[in-house]
Amino acid sequence: MSLDSQRLPYGDGRDALLAAVIDVVAEKGLRGVTYRSVAARAGVNHTLITHHFGSIEGLLAATLEWAVQRSIDETGLARVADFDEKFADALLASVSAEPELQLFQFEMLLEARRKPELKALLDRLYDNYISTVERALRERSLDTDDELSRAVFAALDGLMLQFLTFGNPGKIRSAVVQVGRLLERSGIAGDATGAGLSPAKQ
């Protein structure tokens, strides 16, 4: 599928610029993000970048925050405790529909190794992912903590990177479900007939 057919919907002004950054990075990488390239893609005057964000760095930070929240909402991460086929299907469908959204975040993670000033922002925003996973597990009465939630999210994050890089949706789908099975076998999920993962979801 071409990038043209997968582009995120543009809004007006600020939202248009955020969506344009995602597209530019998908095509050219972070080095391609300039005032003119983003404004041209958004169909607005490049002075709007300074007006809304102050600088390119401010624009990238705002785009990252927007991308993380959109990813949490669109992937259904709050349903992560299900770890069933339905959750796996929804996760893969969401990533397939907006691959640029995830690729942008991976690009920003790599950029943080070159620009340490990004690390604090990424730590804070990725904590949103961890907190979402932790809340979902706690709502199912799973015995969880920050370390476990981080490990669960890291497994999903890595699987989505593999999916975007290599494809193999069937294998990735099975691996997502397998993460839930590993939680149950470890005893973290508790009694299979209680609030944990039920046999029917295996």
C-alpha atoms as a PDB file:
ATOM      1  CA  MET A   1       0.000   0.000   0.000  1.00  0.00           C
ATOM      2  CA  SER A   2       1.408   3.400  -0.895  1.00  0.00           C
ATOM      3  CA  LEU A   3       2.013   6.182   1.583  1.00  0.00           C
ATOM      4  CA  ASP A   4      -0.537   8.283  -0.290  1.00  0.00           C
ATOM      5  CA  SER A   5      -3.296   5.827   0.555  1.00  0.00           C
ATOM      6  CA  GLN A   6      -2.256   5.578   4.217  1.00  0.00           C
ATOM      7  CA  ARG A   7      -1.838   9.248   5.108  1.00  0.00           C
ATOM      8  CA  LEU A   8      -3.329  10.508   8.323  1.00  0.00           C
ATOM      9  CA  PRO A   9      -6.265  12.866   7.935  1.00  0.00           C
ATOM     10  CA  TYR A  10      -5.309  16.539   8.049  1.00  0.00           C
ATOM     11  CA  GLY A  11      -7.172  19.147  10.027  1.00  0.00           C
ATOM     12  CA  ASP A  12      -6.667  22.888  10.004  1.00  0.00           C
ATOM     13  CA  GLY A  13      -3.639  24.786  11.242  1.00  0.00           C
ATOM     14  CA  ARG A  14      -2.039  23.095  14.227  1.00  0.00           C
ATOM     15  CA  ASP A  15      -3.420  19.600  13.588  1.00  0.00           C
ATOM     16  CA  ALA A  16      -2.475  19.818   9.922  1.00  0.00           C
ATOM     17  CA  LEU A  17       1.129  20.542  10.880  1.00  0.00           C
ATOM     18  CA  LEU A  18       1.256  17.625  13.330  1.00  0.00           C
ATOM     19  CA  ALA A  19      -0.073  15.197  10.734  1.00  0.00           C
ATOM     20  CA  ALA A  20       2.289  16.631   8.117  1.00  0.00           C
ATOM     21  CA  VAL A  21       5.318  15.922  10.319  1.00  0.00           C
ATOM     22  CA  ILE A  22       4.299  12.254  10.516  1.00  0.00           C
ATOM     23  CA  ASP A  23       4.136  12.051   6.707  1.00  0.00           C
ATOM     24  CA  VAL A  24       7.414  13.880   6.129  1.00  0.00           C
ATOM     25  CA  VAL A  25       9.275  11.655   8.582  1.00  0.00           C
ATOM     26  CA  ALA A  26       7.775   8.529   6.999  1.00  0.00           C
ATOM     27  CA  GLU A  27       9.108   9.586   3.593  1.00  0.00           C
ATOM     28  CA  LYS A  28      12.355  11.390   4.415  1.00  0.00           C
ATOM     29  CA  GLY A  29      13.244  10.668   8.027  1.00  0.00           C
ATOM     30  CA  LEU A  30      13.725  13.297  10.701  1.00  0.00           C
ATOM     31  CA  ARG A  31      16.365  15.054   8.621  1.00  0.00           C
ATOM     32  CA  GLY A  32      13.631  15.924   6.142  1.00  0.00           C
ATOM     33  CA  VAL A  33      11.640  17.933   8.694  1.00  0.00           C
ATOM     34  CA  THR A  34      12.044  21.606   7.790  1.00  0.00           C
ATOM     35  CA  TYR A  35       9.767  24.611   8.022  1.00  0.00           C
ATOM     36  CA  ARG A  36       9.097  24.496   4.294  1.00  0.00           C
ATOM     37  CA  SER A  37       8.656  20.718   3.911  1.00  0.00           C
ATOM     38  CA  VAL A  38       6.141  20.465   6.750  1.00  0.00           C
ATOM     39  CA  ALA A  39       4.218  23.589   5.759  1.00  0.00           C
ATOM     40  CA  ALA A  40       4.057  22.489   2.132  1.00  0.00           C
ATOM     41  CA  ARG A  41       2.710  19.066   3.115  1.00  0.00           C
ATOM     42  CA  ALA A  42       0.135  20.635   5.428  1.00  0.00           C
ATOM     43  CA  GLY A  43      -0.859  23.242   2.857  1.00  0.00           C
ATOM     44  CA  VAL A  44      -0.281  26.151   5.229  1.00  0.00           C
ATOM     45  CA  ASN A  45       2.137  29.058   5.534  1.00  0.00           C
ATOM     46  CA  HIS A  46       5.391  28.051   7.230  1.00  0.00           C
ATOM     47  CA  THR A  47       5.053  30.944   9.698  1.00  0.00           C
ATOM     48  CA  LEU A  48       2.317  28.924  11.396  1.00  0.00           C
ATOM     49  CA  ILE A  49       5.001  26.581  12.753  1.00  0.00           C
ATOM     50  CA  THR A  50       6.579  29.401  14.737  1.00  0.00           C
ATOM     51  CA  HIS A  51       3.145  30.680  15.730  1.00  0.00           C
ATOM     52  CA  HIS A  52       1.960  27.350  17.141  1.00  0.00           C
ATOM     53  CA  PHE A  53       5.191  25.661  18.257  1.00  0.00           C
ATOM     54  CA  GLY A  54       7.971  28.235  18.394  1.00  0.00           C
ATOM     55  CA  SER A  55      10.508  26.107  16.545  1.00  0.00           C
ATOM     56  CA  ILE A  56      11.064  22.832  14.699  1.00  0.00           C
ATOM     57  CA  GLU A  57      12.097  21.267  18.008  1.00  0.00           C
ATOM     58  CA  GLY A  58       8.835  22.409  19.561  1.00  0.00           C
ATOM     59  CA  LEU A  59       6.938  21.005  16.595  1.00  0.00           C
ATOM     60  CA  LEU A  60       8.645  17.612  16.922  1.00  0.00           C
ATOM     61  CA  ALA A  61       7.945  17.487  20.669  1.00  0.00           C
ATOM     62  CA  ALA A  62       4.271  18.308  20.137  1.00  0.00           C
ATOM     63  CA  THR A  63       4.020  15.751  17.337  1.00  0.00           C
ATOM     64  CA  LEU A  64       5.524  13.064  19.544  1.00  0.00           C
ATOM     65  CA  GLU A  65       3.054  13.800  22.340  1.00  0.00           C
ATOM     66  CA  TRP A  66       0.189  13.757  19.827  1.00  0.00           C
ATOM     67  CA  ALA A  67       1.437  10.503  18.273  1.00  0.00           C
ATOM     68  CA  VAL A  68       1.730   8.712  21.614  1.00  0.00           C
ATOM     69  CA  GLN A  69      -1.775   9.683  22.730  1.00  0.00           C
ATOM     70  CA  ARG A  70      -3.239   8.808  19.329  1.00  0.00           C
ATOM     71  CA  SER A  71      -1.487   5.443  19.448  1.00  0.00           C
ATOM     72  CA  ILE A  72      -2.892   4.669  22.897  1.00  0.00           C
ATOM     73  CA  ASP A  73      -6.388   5.569  21.721  1.00  0.00           C
ATOM     74  CA  GLU A  74      -6.284   3.922  18.299  1.00  0.00           C
ATOM     75  CA  THR A  75      -4.534   0.658  19.231  1.00  0.00           C
ATOM     76  CA  GLY A  76      -6.906  -0.089  22.091  1.00  0.00           C
ATOM     77  CA  LEU A  77      -3.957  -0.493  24.451  1.00  0.00           C
ATOM     78  CA  ALA A  78      -6.303  -0.085  27.424  1.00  0.00           C
ATOM     79  CA  ARG A  79      -7.672  -3.545  26.513  1.00  0.00           C
ATOM     80  CA  VAL A  80      -4.203  -5.096  26.700  1.00  0.00           C
ATOM     81  CA  ALA A  81      -5.165  -7.337  29.640  1.00  0.00           C
ATOM     82  CA  ASP A  82      -7.392  -9.381  27.319  1.00  0.00           C
ATOM     83  CA  PHE A  83      -4.439 -10.604  25.246  1.00  0.00           C
ATOM     84  CA  ASP A  84      -6.853 -12.582  23.101  1.00  0.00           C
ATOM     85  CA  GLU A  85      -7.240 -12.886  19.356  1.00  0.00           C
ATOM     86  CA  LYS A  86      -9.642  -9.960  19.256  1.00  0.00           C
ATOM     87  CA  PHE A  87      -7.127  -7.668  20.950  1.00  0.00           C
ATOM     88  CA  ALA A  88      -4.326  -8.895  18.676  1.00  0.00           C
ATOM     89  CA  ASP A  89      -6.452  -8.321  15.572  1.00  0.00           C
ATOM     90  CA  ALA A  90      -7.391  -4.792  16.691  1.00  0.00           C
ATOM     91  CA  LEU A  91      -3.762  -3.966  17.468  1.00  0.00           C
ATOM     92  CA  LEU A  92      -2.484  -5.137  14.079  1.00  0.00           C
ATOM     93  CA  ALA A  93      -5.348  -3.449  12.242  1.00  0.00           C
ATOM     94  CA  SER A  94      -4.602  -0.142  13.949  1.00  0.00           C
ATOM     95  CA  VAL A  95      -0.877  -0.287  13.207  1.00  0.00           C
ATOM     96  CA  SER A  96      -1.580  -1.337   9.611  1.00  0.00           C
ATOM     97  CA  ALA A  97      -3.946   1.595   9.120  1.00  0.00           C
ATOM     98  CA  GLU A  98      -1.461   4.205  10.383  1.00  0.00           C
ATOM     99  CA  PRO A  99       2.058   2.737  10.149  1.00  0.00           C
ATOM    100  CA  GLU A 100       3.639   6.185   9.929  1.00  0.00           C
ATOM    101  CA  LEU A 101       2.407   6.949  13.446  1.00  0.00           C
ATOM    102  CA  GLN A 102       4.489   4.130  14.924  1.00  0.00           C
ATOM    103  CA  LEU A 103       7.473   4.678  12.644  1.00  0.00           C
ATOM    104  CA  PHE A 104       7.679   8.310  13.739  1.00  0.00           C
ATOM    105  CA  GLN A 105       7.939   7.240  17.377  1.00  0.00           C
ATOM    106  CA  PHE A 106      10.675   4.729  16.609  1.00  0.00           C
ATOM    107  CA  GLU A 107      12.556   7.417  14.693  1.00  0.00           C
ATOM    108  CA  MET A 108      12.312   9.743  17.685  1.00  0.00           C
ATOM    109  CA  LEU A 109      13.638   7.029  19.996  1.00  0.00           C
ATOM    110  CA  LEU A 110      16.714   6.644  17.813  1.00  0.00           C
ATOM    111  CA  GLU A 111      17.123  10.421  17.591  1.00  0.00           C
ATOM    112  CA  ALA A 112      17.202  10.615  21.392  1.00  0.00           C
ATOM    113  CA  ARG A 113      20.519   8.772  21.316  1.00  0.00           C
ATOM    114  CA  ARG A 114      21.942  11.609  19.242  1.00  0.00           C
ATOM    115  CA  LYS A 115      20.079  14.366  21.080  1.00  0.00           C
ATOM    116  CA  PRO A 116      19.983  13.683  24.828  1.00  0.00           C
ATOM    117  CA  GLU A 117      17.614  16.611  25.349  1.00  0.00           C
ATOM    118  CA  LEU A 118      14.871  14.439  23.840  1.00  0.00           C
ATOM    119  CA  LYS A 119      15.342  11.665  26.381  1.00  0.00           C
ATOM    120  CA  ALA A 120      13.351  13.322  29.190  1.00  0.00           C
ATOM    121  CA  LEU A 121      10.431  13.937  26.840  1.00  0.00           C
ATOM    122  CA  LEU A 122      10.481  10.358  25.578  1.00  0.00           C
ATOM    123  CA  ASP A 123      10.720   9.007  29.123  1.00  0.00           C
ATOM    124  CA  ARG A 124       7.659  11.009  30.130  1.00  0.00           C
ATOM    125  CA  LEU A 125       5.607  10.067  27.103  1.00  0.00           C
ATOM    126  CA  TYR A 126       6.553   6.399  27.181  1.00  0.00           C
ATOM    127  CA  ASP A 127       5.502   6.403  30.836  1.00  0.00           C
ATOM    128  CA  ASN A 128       2.008   7.064  29.440  1.00  0.00           C
ATOM    129  CA  TYR A 129       2.207   3.719  27.638  1.00  0.00           C
ATOM    130  CA  ILE A 130       3.448   1.949  30.774  1.00  0.00           C
ATOM    131  CA  SER A 131       0.725   3.532  32.941  1.00  0.00           C
ATOM    132  CA  THR A 132      -1.959   2.514  30.439  1.00  0.00           C
ATOM    133  CA  VAL A 133      -0.776  -1.096  30.522  1.00  0.00           C
ATOM    134  CA  GLU A 134      -0.519  -1.086  34.320  1.00  0.00           C
ATOM    135  CA  ARG A 135      -4.050   0.286  34.746  1.00  0.00           C
ATOM    136  CA  ALA A 136      -5.418  -2.316  32.341  1.00  0.00           C
ATOM    137  CA  LEU A 137      -3.747  -5.174  34.198  1.00  0.00           C
ATOM    138  CA  ARG A 138      -4.838  -3.864  37.602  1.00  0.00           C
ATOM    139  CA  GLU A 139      -8.441  -3.567  36.414  1.00  0.00           C
ATOM    140  CA  ARG A 140      -8.304  -7.304  35.734  1.00  0.00           C
ATOM    141  CA  SER A 141      -6.930  -7.813  39.262  1.00  0.00           C
ATOM    142  CA  LEU A 142      -3.584  -8.981  37.923  1.00  0.00           C
ATOM    143  CA  ASP A 143      -0.679  -8.749  40.331  1.00  0.00           C
ATOM    144  CA  THR A 144       1.361  -6.157  38.478  1.00  0.00           C
ATOM    145  CA  ASP A 145       3.884  -3.397  39.035  1.00  0.00           C
ATOM    146  CA  ASP A 146       5.810  -0.867  36.977  1.00  0.00           C
ATOM    147  CA  GLU A 147       8.477  -3.395  35.997  1.00  0.00           C
ATOM    148  CA  LEU A 148       5.982  -5.962  34.757  1.00  0.00           C
ATOM    149  CA  SER A 149       3.942  -3.351  32.906  1.00  0.00           C
ATOM    150  CA  ARG A 150       7.127  -2.078  31.275  1.00  0.00           C
ATOM    151  CA  ALA A 151       8.061  -5.612  30.234  1.00  0.00           C
ATOM    152  CA  VAL A 152       4.606  -6.267  28.759  1.00  0.00           C
ATOM    153  CA  PHE A 153       4.677  -3.011  26.824  1.00  0.00           C
ATOM    154  CA  ALA A 154       8.242  -3.676  25.641  1.00  0.00           C
ATOM    155  CA  ALA A 155       7.100  -7.024  24.252  1.00  0.00           C
ATOM    156  CA  LEU A 156       4.258  -5.381  22.331  1.00  0.00           C
ATOM    157  CA  ASP A 157       6.459  -2.498  21.183  1.00  0.00           C
ATOM    158  CA  GLY A 158       9.081  -4.892  19.867  1.00  0.00           C
ATOM    159  CA  LEU A 159       6.481  -7.026  18.127  1.00  0.00           C
ATOM    160  CA  MET A 160       5.015  -3.976  16.394  1.00  0.00           C
ATOM    161  CA  LEU A 161       8.495  -2.949  15.220  1.00  0.00           C
ATOM    162  CA  GLN A 162       8.954  -6.447  13.786  1.00  0.00           C
ATOM    163  CA  PHE A 163       5.535  -6.246  12.149  1.00  0.00           C
ATOM    164  CA  LEU A 164       6.327  -2.915  10.506  1.00  0.00           C
ATOM    165  CA  THR A 165       9.736  -4.156   9.377  1.00  0.00           C
ATOM    166  CA  PHE A 166       9.091  -7.736   8.306  1.00  0.00           C
ATOM    167  CA  GLY A 167       5.324  -8.173   8.073  1.00  0.00           C
ATOM    168  CA  ASN A 168       4.283 -11.743   9.039  1.00  0.00           C
ATOM    169  CA  PRO A 169       0.960 -10.711  10.616  1.00  0.00           C
ATOM    170  CA  GLY A 170       0.034 -14.299  11.454  1.00  0.00           C
ATOM    171  CA  LYS A 171       3.193 -14.877  13.465  1.00  0.00           C
ATOM    172  CA  ILE A 172       2.969 -11.499  15.168  1.00  0.00           C
ATOM    173  CA  ARG A 173      -0.689 -12.093  16.034  1.00  0.00           C
ATOM    174  CA  SER A 174       0.193 -15.425  17.637  1.00  0.00           C
ATOM    175  CA  ALA A 175       3.073 -13.834  19.532  1.00  0.00           C
ATOM    176  CA  VAL A 176       0.797 -11.147  21.003  1.00  0.00           C
ATOM    177  CA  VAL A 177      -1.547 -13.840  22.314  1.00  0.00           C
ATOM    178  CA  GLN A 178       1.456 -15.804  23.591  1.00  0.00           C
ATOM    179  CA  VAL A 179       2.487 -12.886  25.814  1.00  0.00           C
ATOM    180  CA  GLY A 180      -0.814 -13.302  27.646  1.00  0.00           C
ATOM    181  CA  ARG A 181      -0.263 -17.033  28.000  1.00  0.00           C
ATOM    182  CA  LEU A 182       3.167 -16.427  29.501  1.00  0.00           C
ATOM    183  CA  LEU A 183       1.604 -14.083  32.062  1.00  0.00           C
ATOM    184  CA  GLU A 184      -0.891 -16.731  33.042  1.00  0.00           C
ATOM    185  CA  ARG A 185       1.697 -19.515  33.288  1.00  0.00           C
ATOM    186  CA  SER A 186       3.831 -17.336  35.537  1.00  0.00           C
ATOM    187  CA  GLY A 187       0.958 -17.148  38.006  1.00  0.00           C
ATOM    188  CA  ILE A 188       0.710 -13.363  37.659  1.00  0.00           C
ATOM    189  CA  ALA A 189      -2.687 -13.637  36.052  1.00  0.00           C
ATOM    190  CA  GLY A 190      -4.061 -15.563  39.014  1.00  0.00           C
ATOM    191  CA  ASP A 191      -6.810 -18.148  38.845  1.00  0.00           C
ATOM    192  CA  ALA A 192      -7.868 -18.812  35.242  1.00  0.00           C
ATOM    193  CA  THR A 193     -11.468 -18.835  36.351  1.00  0.00           C
ATOM    194  CA  GLY A 194     -11.156 -15.524  38.172  1.00  0.00           C
ATOM    195  CA  ALA A 195     -10.147 -12.094  36.948  1.00  0.00           C
ATOM    196  CA  GLY A 196      -7.153 -13.427  35.037  1.00  0.00           C
ATOM    197  CA  LEU A 197      -7.012 -14.695  31.483  1.00  0.00           C
ATOM    198  CA  SER A 198      -9.691 -17.288  30.933  1.00  0.00           C
ATOM    199  CA  PRO A 199      -9.094 -20.568  29.068  1.00  0.00           C
ATOM    200  CA  ALA A 200     -11.644 -19.426  26.485  1.00  0.00           C
ATOM    201  CA  LYS A 201      -9.305 -16.599  25.539  1.00  0.00           C
ATOM    202  CA  GLN A 202      -6.484 -19.005  24.788  1.00  0.00           C
END
